[in-house]
Amino acid sequence: MELIIWSLVGGIVGTAFMDIADQFMDRVNFTTGYACGGPRALGRWALGMFSGHFVHKNILESSPLKNEISAGWTFHYLLGAGVALTYPFFYLVLNAPMPGNHLVPGLLWGLATVLLPWLTNFPAFGWGFFGVRAPKGSRPLLAPAIAHACYGLGLGLVFTLTVAGHGI
């Protein structure tokens, strides 16, 4: 049970690291998901699924929905926490010992999670796989990879400070 709790905490911390990285990249004009709609687009997509609208021609041109920004933030953090559960599950399924230091494995796990926007969100937003039709000036390959690496570092940091430290 402790492993599940620390996974969820790690996912939330990792998502916060991701958001901090995205905001920093935007401030230095390294266009990221925030410039492409960020929580607004994610919330519009998440809320749209409740009415059966899973794929958009271009999410930024779809009609705005009530509370889409709040829904986007909520969905982002719930997704980040949920995806973090897959990290220890990977070790359990492979019957592999958990490392003592999770920073590098967490970073690599975070990089693997970049497949989610590349293969799920971007196509559903109408931008194609890997964001080939993402808004002009965005960096749909590199910016999410950097943000998801930060997610993995946050997850790895929590696991290193808690799970590995307690022998869970």
C-alpha atoms as a PDB file:
ATOM      1  CA  MET A   1       0.000   0.000   0.000  1.00  0.00           C
ATOM      2  CA  GLU A   2       2.871   2.369   0.793  1.00  0.00           C
ATOM      3  CA  LEU A   3       4.279   1.816  -2.688  1.00  0.00           C
ATOM      4  CA  ILE A   4       0.984   2.918  -4.244  1.00  0.00           C
ATOM      5  CA  ILE A   5       0.832   6.045  -2.094  1.00  0.00           C
ATOM      6  CA  TRP A   6       4.429   7.020  -2.858  1.00  0.00           C
ATOM      7  CA  SER A   7       3.808   6.358  -6.559  1.00  0.00           C
ATOM      8  CA  LEU A   8       0.856   8.741  -6.536  1.00  0.00           C
ATOM      9  CA  VAL A   9       2.878  11.356  -4.640  1.00  0.00           C
ATOM     10  CA  GLY A  10       5.757  10.875  -7.084  1.00  0.00           C
ATOM     11  CA  GLY A  11       3.399  11.358 -10.004  1.00  0.00           C
ATOM     12  CA  ILE A  12       2.054  14.587  -8.564  1.00  0.00           C
ATOM     13  CA  VAL A  13       5.550  15.892  -7.812  1.00  0.00           C
ATOM     14  CA  GLY A  14       6.718  14.803 -11.265  1.00  0.00           C
ATOM     15  CA  THR A  15       3.782  16.584 -12.892  1.00  0.00           C
ATOM     16  CA  ALA A  16       4.639  19.740 -10.953  1.00  0.00           C
ATOM     17  CA  PHE A  17       8.269  19.442 -12.171  1.00  0.00           C
ATOM     18  CA  MET A  18       6.912  19.058 -15.710  1.00  0.00           C
ATOM     19  CA  ASP A  19       4.761  22.172 -15.393  1.00  0.00           C
ATOM     20  CA  ILE A  20       7.658  24.189 -13.975  1.00  0.00           C
ATOM     21  CA  ALA A  21       9.854  23.074 -16.885  1.00  0.00           C
ATOM     22  CA  ASP A  22       7.131  23.981 -19.399  1.00  0.00           C
ATOM     23  CA  GLN A  23       6.695  27.437 -17.900  1.00  0.00           C
ATOM     24  CA  PHE A  24      10.456  28.009 -17.858  1.00  0.00           C
ATOM     25  CA  MET A  25      10.753  26.921 -21.499  1.00  0.00           C
ATOM     26  CA  ASP A  26       7.942  29.288 -22.457  1.00  0.00           C
ATOM     27  CA  ARG A  27       9.696  32.179 -20.678  1.00  0.00           C
ATOM     28  CA  VAL A  28      12.848  31.613 -22.708  1.00  0.00           C
ATOM     29  CA  ASN A  29      10.778  31.422 -25.936  1.00  0.00           C
ATOM     30  CA  PHE A  30      11.152  27.676 -26.301  1.00  0.00           C
ATOM     31  CA  THR A  31       7.536  27.095 -27.328  1.00  0.00           C
ATOM     32  CA  THR A  32       5.898  24.247 -25.451  1.00  0.00           C
ATOM     33  CA  GLY A  33       2.469  22.813 -24.793  1.00  0.00           C
ATOM     34  CA  TYR A  34       1.395  25.911 -22.873  1.00  0.00           C
ATOM     35  CA  ALA A  35       1.774  28.008 -25.978  1.00  0.00           C
ATOM     36  CA  CYS A  36      -0.281  25.389 -27.838  1.00  0.00           C
ATOM     37  CA  GLY A  37      -3.214  25.520 -25.461  1.00  0.00           C
ATOM     38  CA  GLY A  38      -1.753  23.628 -22.505  1.00  0.00           C
ATOM     39  CA  PRO A  39      -4.361  23.002 -19.818  1.00  0.00           C
ATOM     40  CA  ARG A  40      -7.053  24.655 -21.961  1.00  0.00           C
ATOM     41  CA  ALA A  41      -6.547  22.171 -24.818  1.00  0.00           C
ATOM     42  CA  LEU A  42      -6.191  19.210 -22.464  1.00  0.00           C
ATOM     43  CA  GLY A  43      -9.359  20.203 -20.593  1.00  0.00           C
ATOM     44  CA  ARG A  44     -11.268  20.734 -23.830  1.00  0.00           C
ATOM     45  CA  TRP A  45     -10.235  17.266 -24.966  1.00  0.00           C
ATOM     46  CA  ALA A  46     -11.002  15.596 -21.604  1.00  0.00           C
ATOM     47  CA  LEU A  47     -14.412  17.256 -21.273  1.00  0.00           C
ATOM     48  CA  GLY A  48     -15.201  16.592 -24.918  1.00  0.00           C
ATOM     49  CA  MET A  49     -14.735  12.874 -24.383  1.00  0.00           C
ATOM     50  CA  PHE A  50     -17.746  12.886 -22.040  1.00  0.00           C
ATOM     51  CA  SER A  51     -19.890  13.870 -25.009  1.00  0.00           C
ATOM     52  CA  GLY A  52     -18.211  11.370 -27.344  1.00  0.00           C
ATOM     53  CA  HIS A  53     -15.855  13.843 -29.025  1.00  0.00           C
ATOM     54  CA  PHE A  54     -12.489  12.064 -28.907  1.00  0.00           C
ATOM     55  CA  VAL A  55     -10.698  13.521 -31.956  1.00  0.00           C
ATOM     56  CA  HIS A  56     -10.635  17.142 -33.107  1.00  0.00           C
ATOM     57  CA  LYS A  57      -9.727  18.657 -36.444  1.00  0.00           C
ATOM     58  CA  ASN A  58      -7.723  21.227 -34.469  1.00  0.00           C
ATOM     59  CA  ILE A  59      -8.401  21.430 -30.747  1.00  0.00           C
ATOM     60  CA  LEU A  60      -7.548  25.141 -30.686  1.00  0.00           C
ATOM     61  CA  GLU A  61     -10.349  25.829 -33.183  1.00  0.00           C
ATOM     62  CA  SER A  62     -12.928  23.668 -31.366  1.00  0.00           C
ATOM     63  CA  SER A  63     -15.580  25.463 -29.355  1.00  0.00           C
ATOM     64  CA  PRO A  64     -14.470  26.365 -25.838  1.00  0.00           C
ATOM     65  CA  LEU A  65     -16.094  24.408 -23.027  1.00  0.00           C
ATOM     66  CA  LYS A  66     -17.110  25.618 -19.597  1.00  0.00           C
ATOM     67  CA  ASN A  67     -14.371  25.024 -16.970  1.00  0.00           C
ATOM     68  CA  GLU A  68     -11.952  23.584 -19.547  1.00  0.00           C
ATOM     69  CA  ILE A  69      -8.869  25.098 -17.917  1.00  0.00           C
ATOM     70  CA  SER A  70      -9.738  23.708 -14.476  1.00  0.00           C
ATOM     71  CA  ALA A  71     -10.579  20.368 -16.060  1.00  0.00           C
ATOM     72  CA  GLY A  72      -7.250  20.421 -17.917  1.00  0.00           C
ATOM     73  CA  TRP A  73      -5.231  20.986 -14.757  1.00  0.00           C
ATOM     74  CA  THR A  74      -7.189  18.331 -12.882  1.00  0.00           C
ATOM     75  CA  PHE A  75      -6.879  15.804 -15.696  1.00  0.00           C
ATOM     76  CA  HIS A  76      -3.151  16.517 -16.051  1.00  0.00           C
ATOM     77  CA  TYR A  77      -2.417  15.855 -12.381  1.00  0.00           C
ATOM     78  CA  LEU A  78      -4.685  12.801 -12.198  1.00  0.00           C
ATOM     79  CA  LEU A  79      -3.003  11.405 -15.300  1.00  0.00           C
ATOM     80  CA  GLY A  80       0.456  12.162 -13.895  1.00  0.00           C
ATOM     81  CA  ALA A  81      -0.389  10.376 -10.652  1.00  0.00           C
ATOM     82  CA  GLY A  82      -1.918   7.423 -12.489  1.00  0.00           C
ATOM     83  CA  VAL A  83       0.960   7.003 -14.915  1.00  0.00           C
ATOM     84  CA  ALA A  84       3.372   6.973 -11.968  1.00  0.00           C
ATOM     85  CA  LEU A  85       1.769   3.723 -10.808  1.00  0.00           C
ATOM     86  CA  THR A  86       3.231   2.044 -13.885  1.00  0.00           C
ATOM     87  CA  TYR A  87       6.803   2.720 -12.718  1.00  0.00           C
ATOM     88  CA  PRO A  88       6.932   0.279  -9.762  1.00  0.00           C
ATOM     89  CA  PHE A  89       4.571  -2.071 -11.609  1.00  0.00           C
ATOM     90  CA  PHE A  90       7.277  -2.443 -14.276  1.00  0.00           C
ATOM     91  CA  TYR A  91       9.723  -3.754 -11.651  1.00  0.00           C
ATOM     92  CA  LEU A  92       7.117  -6.036 -10.102  1.00  0.00           C
ATOM     93  CA  VAL A  93       6.086  -7.566 -13.450  1.00  0.00           C
ATOM     94  CA  LEU A  94       9.698  -8.191 -14.445  1.00  0.00           C
ATOM     95  CA  ASN A  95      10.469  -9.451 -10.938  1.00  0.00           C
ATOM     96  CA  ALA A  96      13.409  -7.056 -10.970  1.00  0.00           C
ATOM     97  CA  PRO A  97      14.834  -5.540  -7.797  1.00  0.00           C
ATOM     98  CA  MET A  98      14.021  -1.882  -7.229  1.00  0.00           C
ATOM     99  CA  PRO A  99      17.138   0.279  -7.493  1.00  0.00           C
ATOM    100  CA  GLY A 100      18.453   2.173  -4.486  1.00  0.00           C
ATOM    101  CA  ASN A 101      18.650   5.380  -6.489  1.00  0.00           C
ATOM    102  CA  HIS A 102      15.728   6.128  -8.786  1.00  0.00           C
ATOM    103  CA  LEU A 103      16.956   9.337 -10.433  1.00  0.00           C
ATOM    104  CA  VAL A 104      18.257   7.786 -13.665  1.00  0.00           C
ATOM    105  CA  PRO A 105      15.562   5.077 -13.900  1.00  0.00           C
ATOM    106  CA  GLY A 106      12.936   7.740 -13.162  1.00  0.00           C
ATOM    107  CA  LEU A 107      14.389  10.017 -15.839  1.00  0.00           C
ATOM    108  CA  LEU A 108      14.281   7.163 -18.363  1.00  0.00           C
ATOM    109  CA  TRP A 109      10.723   6.301 -17.320  1.00  0.00           C
ATOM    110  CA  GLY A 110       9.740   9.934 -17.766  1.00  0.00           C
ATOM    111  CA  LEU A 111      11.249   9.951 -21.245  1.00  0.00           C
ATOM    112  CA  ALA A 112       9.223   6.832 -22.080  1.00  0.00           C
ATOM    113  CA  THR A 113       6.023   8.609 -21.013  1.00  0.00           C
ATOM    114  CA  VAL A 114       6.496  11.177 -23.781  1.00  0.00           C
ATOM    115  CA  LEU A 115       4.915   8.548 -26.007  1.00  0.00           C
ATOM    116  CA  LEU A 116       1.553   9.495 -24.452  1.00  0.00           C
ATOM    117  CA  PRO A 117       1.298  12.969 -26.005  1.00  0.00           C
ATOM    118  CA  TRP A 118       3.082  11.917 -29.188  1.00  0.00           C
ATOM    119  CA  LEU A 119       0.775   8.944 -29.850  1.00  0.00           C
ATOM    120  CA  THR A 120      -2.429   9.901 -28.031  1.00  0.00           C
ATOM    121  CA  ASN A 121      -2.891  13.602 -27.297  1.00  0.00           C
ATOM    122  CA  PHE A 122      -1.413  15.094 -30.453  1.00  0.00           C
ATOM    123  CA  PRO A 123      -3.441  12.893 -32.823  1.00  0.00           C
ATOM    124  CA  ALA A 124      -6.595  13.508 -30.764  1.00  0.00           C
ATOM    125  CA  PHE A 125      -5.935  17.255 -30.865  1.00  0.00           C
ATOM    126  CA  GLY A 126      -5.800  17.047 -34.670  1.00  0.00           C
ATOM    127  CA  TRP A 127      -2.041  17.507 -34.859  1.00  0.00           C
ATOM    128  CA  GLY A 128      -1.095  14.004 -36.038  1.00  0.00           C
ATOM    129  CA  PHE A 129       1.310  11.510 -34.545  1.00  0.00           C
ATOM    130  CA  PHE A 130       4.346  13.182 -32.980  1.00  0.00           C
ATOM    131  CA  GLY A 131       2.668  16.561 -33.576  1.00  0.00           C
ATOM    132  CA  VAL A 132       3.566  16.769 -37.271  1.00  0.00           C
ATOM    133  CA  ARG A 133       0.704  19.282 -37.715  1.00  0.00           C
ATOM    134  CA  ALA A 134       1.138  21.069 -34.372  1.00  0.00           C
ATOM    135  CA  PRO A 135       0.758  24.854 -34.297  1.00  0.00           C
ATOM    136  CA  LYS A 136       3.481  26.671 -36.205  1.00  0.00           C
ATOM    137  CA  GLY A 137       6.479  27.575 -34.079  1.00  0.00           C
ATOM    138  CA  SER A 138       5.880  24.846 -31.503  1.00  0.00           C
ATOM    139  CA  ARG A 139       8.402  22.135 -30.757  1.00  0.00           C
ATOM    140  CA  PRO A 140       6.207  19.025 -30.527  1.00  0.00           C
ATOM    141  CA  LEU A 141       9.096  16.558 -30.306  1.00  0.00           C
ATOM    142  CA  LEU A 142      11.698  18.220 -28.119  1.00  0.00           C
ATOM    143  CA  ALA A 143       9.630  20.302 -25.677  1.00  0.00           C
ATOM    144  CA  PRO A 144       7.469  17.381 -24.462  1.00  0.00           C
ATOM    145  CA  ALA A 145      10.579  15.189 -24.173  1.00  0.00           C
ATOM    146  CA  ILE A 146      12.222  17.756 -21.894  1.00  0.00           C
ATOM    147  CA  ALA A 147       9.041  18.195 -19.850  1.00  0.00           C
ATOM    148  CA  HIS A 148       8.535  14.440 -19.487  1.00  0.00           C
ATOM    149  CA  ALA A 149      12.185  13.983 -18.478  1.00  0.00           C
ATOM    150  CA  CYS A 150      11.489  16.476 -15.679  1.00  0.00           C
ATOM    151  CA  TYR A 151       8.409  14.439 -14.758  1.00  0.00           C
ATOM    152  CA  GLY A 152      10.622  11.375 -14.466  1.00  0.00           C
ATOM    153  CA  LEU A 153      13.149  13.244 -12.336  1.00  0.00           C
ATOM    154  CA  GLY A 154      10.387  14.300  -9.943  1.00  0.00           C
ATOM    155  CA  LEU A 155       9.097  10.738  -9.763  1.00  0.00           C
ATOM    156  CA  GLY A 156      12.629   9.391  -9.287  1.00  0.00           C
ATOM    157  CA  LEU A 157      13.382  11.933  -6.583  1.00  0.00           C
ATOM    158  CA  VAL A 158      10.313  10.932  -4.562  1.00  0.00           C
ATOM    159  CA  PHE A 159      11.162   7.235  -4.948  1.00  0.00           C
ATOM    160  CA  THR A 160      14.791   7.815  -3.972  1.00  0.00           C
ATOM    161  CA  LEU A 161      13.849   9.810  -0.873  1.00  0.00           C
ATOM    162  CA  THR A 162      11.033   7.545   0.271  1.00  0.00           C
ATOM    163  CA  VAL A 163      10.715   4.082  -1.225  1.00  0.00           C
ATOM    164  CA  ALA A 164      14.419   3.283  -1.522  1.00  0.00           C
ATOM    165  CA  GLY A 165      15.116   4.893   1.853  1.00  0.00           C
ATOM    166  CA  HIS A 166      12.540   2.713   3.598  1.00  0.00           C
ATOM    167  CA  GLY A 167      13.336  -0.526   1.812  1.00  0.00           C
ATOM    168  CA  ILE A 168       9.862  -0.809   0.296  1.00  0.00           C
END
